[in-house]
Amino acid sequence: MAKIPEETPEEVAEAPRVSLWTRLRPIAYLAAMFVAMNLIFRAFAPKTAEDKSVATAQTEVSSEDEYANYYADYGERMTAAAGYDSYYNSLLSDLGTMTNTSFTTTR
């Protein structure tokens, strides 16, 4: 033990060589699963003629005057005080049994 031999072992163990299929197998399996899931989704998806047709909607072009006229008319019919009073009065009349008058306003 005083001296370590200087000779090297003649047989050096080689690292095992990995084949191409062993390296590509996980990628191939993953691709196969994506294809299988796509086919499953297509198989169970509802197929109707309505899905393939393109829906078109016709919209009526309204001018700003119609829009302004509608809200001007609405503003004339409803003021904030009258709107809130009528809402809470109708709410209280619908409840009927409620005796608390804290919701009503006196003006």
C-alpha atoms as a PDB file:
ATOM      1  CA  MET A   1       0.000   0.000   0.000  1.00  0.00           C
ATOM      2  CA  ALA A   2       2.950   2.198   0.121  1.00  0.00           C
ATOM      3  CA  LYS A   3       2.903   2.574  -3.600  1.00  0.00           C
ATOM      4  CA  ILE A   4      -0.107   2.894  -5.933  1.00  0.00           C
ATOM      5  CA  PRO A   5       0.360   0.946  -9.127  1.00  0.00           C
ATOM      6  CA  GLU A   6       0.892   3.169 -12.177  1.00  0.00           C
ATOM      7  CA  GLU A   7      -0.810   0.930 -14.659  1.00  0.00           C
ATOM      8  CA  THR A   8      -4.332   1.688 -15.801  1.00  0.00           C
ATOM      9  CA  PRO A   9      -6.926  -0.970 -16.253  1.00  0.00           C
ATOM     10  CA  GLU A  10      -7.052  -2.145 -19.819  1.00  0.00           C
ATOM     11  CA  GLU A  11     -10.811  -2.507 -19.931  1.00  0.00           C
ATOM     12  CA  VAL A  12     -12.512   0.844 -19.667  1.00  0.00           C
ATOM     13  CA  ALA A  13     -16.276   0.541 -19.262  1.00  0.00           C
ATOM     14  CA  GLU A  14     -18.083   2.362 -22.064  1.00  0.00           C
ATOM     15  CA  ALA A  15     -21.217   4.331 -21.341  1.00  0.00           C
ATOM     16  CA  PRO A  16     -24.285   2.557 -22.686  1.00  0.00           C
ATOM     17  CA  ARG A  17     -25.396   4.020 -25.971  1.00  0.00           C
ATOM     18  CA  VAL A  18     -28.998   5.264 -26.052  1.00  0.00           C
ATOM     19  CA  SER A  19     -30.855   4.378 -29.205  1.00  0.00           C
ATOM     20  CA  LEU A  20     -32.730   6.902 -31.311  1.00  0.00           C
ATOM     21  CA  TRP A  21     -36.111   5.301 -30.546  1.00  0.00           C
ATOM     22  CA  THR A  22     -35.483   5.561 -26.807  1.00  0.00           C
ATOM     23  CA  ARG A  23     -34.891   9.295 -27.175  1.00  0.00           C
ATOM     24  CA  LEU A  24     -37.858   9.937 -29.504  1.00  0.00           C
ATOM     25  CA  ARG A  25     -40.404   7.714 -27.757  1.00  0.00           C
ATOM     26  CA  PRO A  26     -41.719  10.367 -25.273  1.00  0.00           C
ATOM     27  CA  ILE A  27     -42.171  12.908 -28.059  1.00  0.00           C
ATOM     28  CA  ALA A  28     -43.976  10.367 -30.263  1.00  0.00           C
ATOM     29  CA  TYR A  29     -46.305   9.350 -27.425  1.00  0.00           C
ATOM     30  CA  LEU A  30     -47.088  12.981 -26.624  1.00  0.00           C
ATOM     31  CA  ALA A  31     -47.918  13.711 -30.264  1.00  0.00           C
ATOM     32  CA  ALA A  32     -50.133  10.622 -30.399  1.00  0.00           C
ATOM     33  CA  MET A  33     -52.057  11.789 -27.323  1.00  0.00           C
ATOM     34  CA  PHE A  34     -52.691  15.212 -28.868  1.00  0.00           C
ATOM     35  CA  VAL A  35     -54.023  13.575 -32.030  1.00  0.00           C
ATOM     36  CA  ALA A  36     -56.207  11.213 -29.993  1.00  0.00           C
ATOM     37  CA  MET A  37     -57.677  14.042 -27.894  1.00  0.00           C
ATOM     38  CA  ASN A  38     -58.433  16.045 -31.033  1.00  0.00           C
ATOM     39  CA  LEU A  39     -60.283  13.078 -32.533  1.00  0.00           C
ATOM     40  CA  ILE A  40     -62.223  12.513 -29.304  1.00  0.00           C
ATOM     41  CA  PHE A  41     -63.315  16.154 -29.178  1.00  0.00           C
ATOM     42  CA  ARG A  42     -64.417  15.999 -32.809  1.00  0.00           C
ATOM     43  CA  ALA A  43     -66.322  12.774 -32.237  1.00  0.00           C
ATOM     44  CA  PHE A  44     -68.363  14.095 -29.317  1.00  0.00           C
ATOM     45  CA  ALA A  45     -68.922  17.640 -30.602  1.00  0.00           C
ATOM     46  CA  PRO A  46     -72.519  18.275 -31.721  1.00  0.00           C
ATOM     47  CA  LYS A  47     -72.753  18.499 -35.475  1.00  0.00           C
ATOM     48  CA  THR A  48     -75.631  20.520 -36.832  1.00  0.00           C
ATOM     49  CA  ALA A  49     -76.209  22.379 -40.044  1.00  0.00           C
ATOM     50  CA  GLU A  50     -76.688  25.570 -38.047  1.00  0.00           C
ATOM     51  CA  ASP A  51     -73.085  25.481 -36.855  1.00  0.00           C
ATOM     52  CA  LYS A  52     -71.764  25.571 -40.390  1.00  0.00           C
ATOM     53  CA  SER A  53     -73.973  28.382 -41.599  1.00  0.00           C
ATOM     54  CA  VAL A  54     -72.870  31.936 -41.064  1.00  0.00           C
ATOM     55  CA  ALA A  55     -75.281  34.043 -39.079  1.00  0.00           C
ATOM     56  CA  THR A  56     -75.896  37.504 -40.400  1.00  0.00           C
ATOM     57  CA  ALA A  57     -77.728  40.188 -38.548  1.00  0.00           C
ATOM     58  CA  GLN A  58     -79.333  43.250 -39.998  1.00  0.00           C
ATOM     59  CA  THR A  59     -79.083  46.318 -37.885  1.00  0.00           C
ATOM     60  CA  GLU A  60     -81.139  49.411 -38.235  1.00  0.00           C
ATOM     61  CA  VAL A  61     -79.045  52.524 -38.374  1.00  0.00           C
ATOM     62  CA  SER A  62     -80.487  55.036 -35.991  1.00  0.00           C
ATOM     63  CA  SER A  63     -79.691  58.657 -36.101  1.00  0.00           C
ATOM     64  CA  GLU A  64     -78.618  60.699 -33.133  1.00  0.00           C
ATOM     65  CA  ASP A  65     -81.896  62.591 -33.246  1.00  0.00           C
ATOM     66  CA  GLU A  66     -83.951  59.473 -32.486  1.00  0.00           C
ATOM     67  CA  TYR A  67     -81.669  58.673 -29.585  1.00  0.00           C
ATOM     68  CA  ALA A  68     -81.805  62.205 -28.221  1.00  0.00           C
ATOM     69  CA  ASN A  69     -85.579  62.442 -28.702  1.00  0.00           C
ATOM     70  CA  TYR A  70     -86.190  59.226 -26.789  1.00  0.00           C
ATOM     71  CA  TYR A  71     -84.210  60.337 -23.749  1.00  0.00           C
ATOM     72  CA  ALA A  72     -85.578  63.865 -23.877  1.00  0.00           C
ATOM     73  CA  ASP A  73     -89.103  62.420 -23.784  1.00  0.00           C
ATOM     74  CA  TYR A  74     -88.088  60.100 -20.963  1.00  0.00           C
ATOM     75  CA  GLY A  75     -86.632  63.023 -19.014  1.00  0.00           C
ATOM     76  CA  GLU A  76     -89.874  64.952 -19.352  1.00  0.00           C
ATOM     77  CA  ARG A  77     -91.901  62.050 -18.016  1.00  0.00           C
ATOM     78  CA  MET A  78     -89.589  61.127 -15.170  1.00  0.00           C
ATOM     79  CA  THR A  79     -87.824  63.416 -12.780  1.00  0.00           C
ATOM     80  CA  ALA A  80     -85.517  62.101 -10.106  1.00  0.00           C
ATOM     81  CA  ALA A  81     -87.758  63.007  -7.173  1.00  0.00           C
ATOM     82  CA  ALA A  82     -90.912  61.686  -8.790  1.00  0.00           C
ATOM     83  CA  GLY A  83     -89.160  58.519  -9.873  1.00  0.00           C
ATOM     84  CA  TYR A  84     -87.818  57.660  -6.457  1.00  0.00           C
ATOM     85  CA  ASP A  85     -91.041  58.562  -4.666  1.00  0.00           C
ATOM     86  CA  SER A  86     -93.188  56.511  -7.017  1.00  0.00           C
ATOM     87  CA  TYR A  87     -90.811  53.550  -6.753  1.00  0.00           C
ATOM     88  CA  TYR A  88     -90.699  53.466  -2.964  1.00  0.00           C
ATOM     89  CA  ASN A  89     -94.437  54.172  -2.627  1.00  0.00           C
ATOM     90  CA  SER A  90     -95.243  51.264  -4.944  1.00  0.00           C
ATOM     91  CA  LEU A  91     -92.778  49.089  -3.038  1.00  0.00           C
ATOM     92  CA  LEU A  92     -94.430  49.911   0.275  1.00  0.00           C
ATOM     93  CA  SER A  93     -97.914  49.363  -1.121  1.00  0.00           C
ATOM     94  CA  ASP A  94     -96.842  45.961  -2.468  1.00  0.00           C
ATOM     95  CA  LEU A  95     -95.483  44.917   0.903  1.00  0.00           C
ATOM     96  CA  GLY A  96     -98.702  46.040   2.630  1.00  0.00           C
ATOM     97  CA  THR A  97     -97.822  44.743   6.077  1.00  0.00           C
ATOM     98  CA  MET A  98     -94.837  46.970   6.565  1.00  0.00           C
ATOM     99  CA  THR A  99     -95.540  49.700   9.126  1.00  0.00           C
ATOM    100  CA  ASN A 100     -92.150  51.384   9.086  1.00  0.00           C
ATOM    101  CA  THR A 101     -92.518  54.737   7.323  1.00  0.00           C
ATOM    102  CA  SER A 102     -88.799  55.524   7.201  1.00  0.00           C
ATOM    103  CA  PHE A 103     -88.781  54.731   3.491  1.00  0.00           C
ATOM    104  CA  THR A 104     -91.348  57.332   2.506  1.00  0.00           C
ATOM    105  CA  THR A 105     -90.310  60.870   1.860  1.00  0.00           C
ATOM    106  CA  THR A 106     -92.284  63.933   2.723  1.00  0.00           C
ATOM    107  CA  ARG A 107     -92.009  66.836   0.364  1.00  0.00           C
END
